[in-house]
Amino acid sequence: MNFDQEYDYFYDFADNNGLYARFSMYGEGIRFEDELPLRDRDNRKMIYRCGDVEVAVAVKGKTWGDLYIAANSAIMLSGNLDHCYIEDIQILEGGDLELVTGS
């Protein structure tokens, strides 16, 4: 997929699923129906830290789409809608995931 196709794909998924946050991890070959490349744990949490606020939400499922939905939930619960672009997901030492956003 070229950038324009990937951009449209990410936006279509967000619009079709009622998501506010925008997925911005371009050029990594991510398809929302694909399983996450994670092992050994089914009950992961998405951690989002922004200023003095920390939000943790369950990742319900094993696909990139499930991860996107969890990230959107974390952003919405934080109340910080200025940083709604999902730029990275980092794996923490205990196996949970940390959301990195931009504006």
C-alpha atoms as a PDB file:
ATOM      1  CA  MET A   1       0.000   0.000   0.000  1.00  0.00           C
ATOM      2  CA  ASN A   2       1.273   3.470  -0.760  1.00  0.00           C
ATOM      3  CA  PHE A   3       0.814   6.342   1.702  1.00  0.00           C
ATOM      4  CA  ASP A   4      -2.457   7.594   0.199  1.00  0.00           C
ATOM      5  CA  GLN A   5      -3.987   4.108   0.257  1.00  0.00           C
ATOM      6  CA  GLU A   6      -2.836   3.528   3.825  1.00  0.00           C
ATOM      7  CA  TYR A   7      -4.187   6.930   4.887  1.00  0.00           C
ATOM      8  CA  ASP A   8      -7.588   6.107   3.391  1.00  0.00           C
ATOM      9  CA  TYR A   9      -7.546   2.628   4.949  1.00  0.00           C
ATOM     10  CA  PHE A  10      -6.823   4.025   8.443  1.00  0.00           C
ATOM     11  CA  TYR A  11      -9.476   6.744   8.116  1.00  0.00           C
ATOM     12  CA  ASP A  12     -12.082   4.338   6.752  1.00  0.00           C
ATOM     13  CA  PHE A  13     -11.545   1.993   9.713  1.00  0.00           C
ATOM     14  CA  ALA A  14     -11.907   4.895  12.159  1.00  0.00           C
ATOM     15  CA  ASP A  15     -15.032   6.208  10.481  1.00  0.00           C
ATOM     16  CA  ASN A  16     -16.635   2.758  10.178  1.00  0.00           C
ATOM     17  CA  ASN A  17     -16.019   2.080  13.878  1.00  0.00           C
ATOM     18  CA  GLY A  18     -16.914   5.517  15.262  1.00  0.00           C
ATOM     19  CA  LEU A  19     -13.368   6.235  16.452  1.00  0.00           C
ATOM     20  CA  TYR A  20     -12.159   9.747  17.278  1.00  0.00           C
ATOM     21  CA  ALA A  21      -8.445   8.944  17.484  1.00  0.00           C
ATOM     22  CA  ARG A  22      -6.476   8.700  14.246  1.00  0.00           C
ATOM     23  CA  PHE A  23      -4.030   5.890  13.574  1.00  0.00           C
ATOM     24  CA  SER A  24      -0.728   7.358  12.369  1.00  0.00           C
ATOM     25  CA  MET A  25       1.648   4.400  12.283  1.00  0.00           C
ATOM     26  CA  TYR A  26       2.309   4.614   8.549  1.00  0.00           C
ATOM     27  CA  GLY A  27       4.678   2.457   6.554  1.00  0.00           C
ATOM     28  CA  GLU A  28       4.568  -0.534   8.900  1.00  0.00           C
ATOM     29  CA  GLY A  29       2.228  -2.764   6.885  1.00  0.00           C
ATOM     30  CA  ILE A  30      -0.460  -2.777   9.581  1.00  0.00           C
ATOM     31  CA  ARG A  31      -3.799  -4.349   8.670  1.00  0.00           C
ATOM     32  CA  PHE A  32      -6.496  -4.090  11.315  1.00  0.00           C
ATOM     33  CA  GLU A  33      -7.737  -7.652  10.774  1.00  0.00           C
ATOM     34  CA  ASP A  34      -4.250  -9.093  11.426  1.00  0.00           C
ATOM     35  CA  GLU A  35      -3.298 -10.558  14.798  1.00  0.00           C
ATOM     36  CA  LEU A  36      -0.920  -8.580  16.958  1.00  0.00           C
ATOM     37  CA  PRO A  37       2.665  -9.865  17.073  1.00  0.00           C
ATOM     38  CA  LEU A  38       2.398 -10.470  20.833  1.00  0.00           C
ATOM     39  CA  ARG A  39       2.690 -13.712  22.747  1.00  0.00           C
ATOM     40  CA  ASP A  40       2.184 -15.171  26.186  1.00  0.00           C
ATOM     41  CA  ARG A  41      -0.593 -12.974  27.501  1.00  0.00           C
ATOM     42  CA  ASP A  42      -4.296 -12.573  26.816  1.00  0.00           C
ATOM     43  CA  ASN A  43      -5.222  -9.881  29.333  1.00  0.00           C
ATOM     44  CA  ARG A  44      -3.133  -6.926  28.223  1.00  0.00           C
ATOM     45  CA  LYS A  45      -3.857  -3.359  29.186  1.00  0.00           C
ATOM     46  CA  MET A  46      -3.292  -0.241  27.126  1.00  0.00           C
ATOM     47  CA  ILE A  47      -1.690   2.435  29.319  1.00  0.00           C
ATOM     48  CA  TYR A  48      -1.974   6.082  28.289  1.00  0.00           C
ATOM     49  CA  ARG A  49      -0.161   8.807  30.193  1.00  0.00           C
ATOM     50  CA  CYS A  50      -0.742  12.448  29.418  1.00  0.00           C
ATOM     51  CA  GLY A  51       0.302  15.103  31.907  1.00  0.00           C
ATOM     52  CA  ASP A  52      -1.000  14.130  35.341  1.00  0.00           C
ATOM     53  CA  VAL A  53      -3.532  11.696  33.886  1.00  0.00           C
ATOM     54  CA  GLU A  54      -2.958   7.968  33.516  1.00  0.00           C
ATOM     55  CA  VAL A  55      -5.597   5.737  31.966  1.00  0.00           C
ATOM     56  CA  ALA A  56      -5.536   1.953  31.631  1.00  0.00           C
ATOM     57  CA  VAL A  57      -8.011   0.061  29.450  1.00  0.00           C
ATOM     58  CA  ALA A  58      -8.242  -3.607  28.545  1.00  0.00           C
ATOM     59  CA  VAL A  59      -7.311  -4.670  25.043  1.00  0.00           C
ATOM     60  CA  LYS A  60     -10.279  -6.887  24.151  1.00  0.00           C
ATOM     61  CA  GLY A  61      -9.065  -9.093  21.356  1.00  0.00           C
ATOM     62  CA  LYS A  62      -5.878  -9.908  19.516  1.00  0.00           C
ATOM     63  CA  THR A  63      -5.977  -7.855  16.321  1.00  0.00           C
ATOM     64  CA  TRP A  64      -4.569  -4.472  15.366  1.00  0.00           C
ATOM     65  CA  GLY A  65      -8.168  -3.274  15.126  1.00  0.00           C
ATOM     66  CA  ASP A  66      -8.768  -4.307  18.747  1.00  0.00           C
ATOM     67  CA  LEU A  67      -5.636  -2.408  19.726  1.00  0.00           C
ATOM     68  CA  TYR A  68      -6.824   0.699  17.863  1.00  0.00           C
ATOM     69  CA  ILE A  69     -10.201   0.528  19.606  1.00  0.00           C
ATOM     70  CA  ALA A  70      -8.498   0.245  23.022  1.00  0.00           C
ATOM     71  CA  ALA A  71      -6.220   3.188  22.207  1.00  0.00           C
ATOM     72  CA  ASN A  72      -9.221   5.274  21.182  1.00  0.00           C
ATOM     73  CA  SER A  73     -10.958   4.400  24.463  1.00  0.00           C
ATOM     74  CA  ALA A  74      -7.882   5.421  26.468  1.00  0.00           C
ATOM     75  CA  ILE A  75      -7.644   8.761  24.672  1.00  0.00           C
ATOM     76  CA  MET A  76     -11.346   9.471  25.171  1.00  0.00           C
ATOM     77  CA  LEU A  77     -11.205   8.545  28.877  1.00  0.00           C
ATOM     78  CA  SER A  78      -8.173  10.793  29.402  1.00  0.00           C
ATOM     79  CA  GLY A  79     -10.113  13.813  28.189  1.00  0.00           C
ATOM     80  CA  ASN A  80      -7.047  14.943  26.229  1.00  0.00           C
ATOM     81  CA  LEU A  81      -8.489  15.093  22.742  1.00  0.00           C
ATOM     82  CA  ASP A  82      -5.718  17.386  21.483  1.00  0.00           C
ATOM     83  CA  HIS A  83      -3.333  14.423  21.276  1.00  0.00           C
ATOM     84  CA  CYS A  84      -5.449  12.060  19.214  1.00  0.00           C
ATOM     85  CA  TYR A  85      -2.902  10.744  16.722  1.00  0.00           C
ATOM     86  CA  ILE A  86      -1.665   7.250  17.575  1.00  0.00           C
ATOM     87  CA  GLU A  87       2.029   7.359  16.715  1.00  0.00           C
ATOM     88  CA  ASP A  88       3.459   4.350  18.528  1.00  0.00           C
ATOM     89  CA  ILE A  89       2.648   1.453  20.827  1.00  0.00           C
ATOM     90  CA  GLN A  90       5.424   0.324  23.152  1.00  0.00           C
ATOM     91  CA  ILE A  91       5.567  -2.963  25.038  1.00  0.00           C
ATOM     92  CA  LEU A  92       6.243  -2.396  28.733  1.00  0.00           C
ATOM     93  CA  GLU A  93       8.353  -4.770  30.828  1.00  0.00           C
ATOM     94  CA  GLY A  94       5.309  -6.454  32.398  1.00  0.00           C
ATOM     95  CA  GLY A  95       3.689  -7.037  29.008  1.00  0.00           C
ATOM     96  CA  ASP A  96       1.175  -4.194  29.003  1.00  0.00           C
ATOM     97  CA  LEU A  97       1.249  -1.664  26.182  1.00  0.00           C
ATOM     98  CA  GLU A  98       1.950   2.054  26.362  1.00  0.00           C
ATOM     99  CA  LEU A  99       0.248   4.388  23.934  1.00  0.00           C
ATOM    100  CA  VAL A 100       2.287   7.215  22.402  1.00  0.00           C
ATOM    101  CA  THR A 101       0.286  10.027  20.807  1.00  0.00           C
ATOM    102  CA  GLY A 102       0.844  13.303  19.016  1.00  0.00           C
ATOM    103  CA  SER A 103      -1.217  16.253  17.910  1.00  0.00           C
END
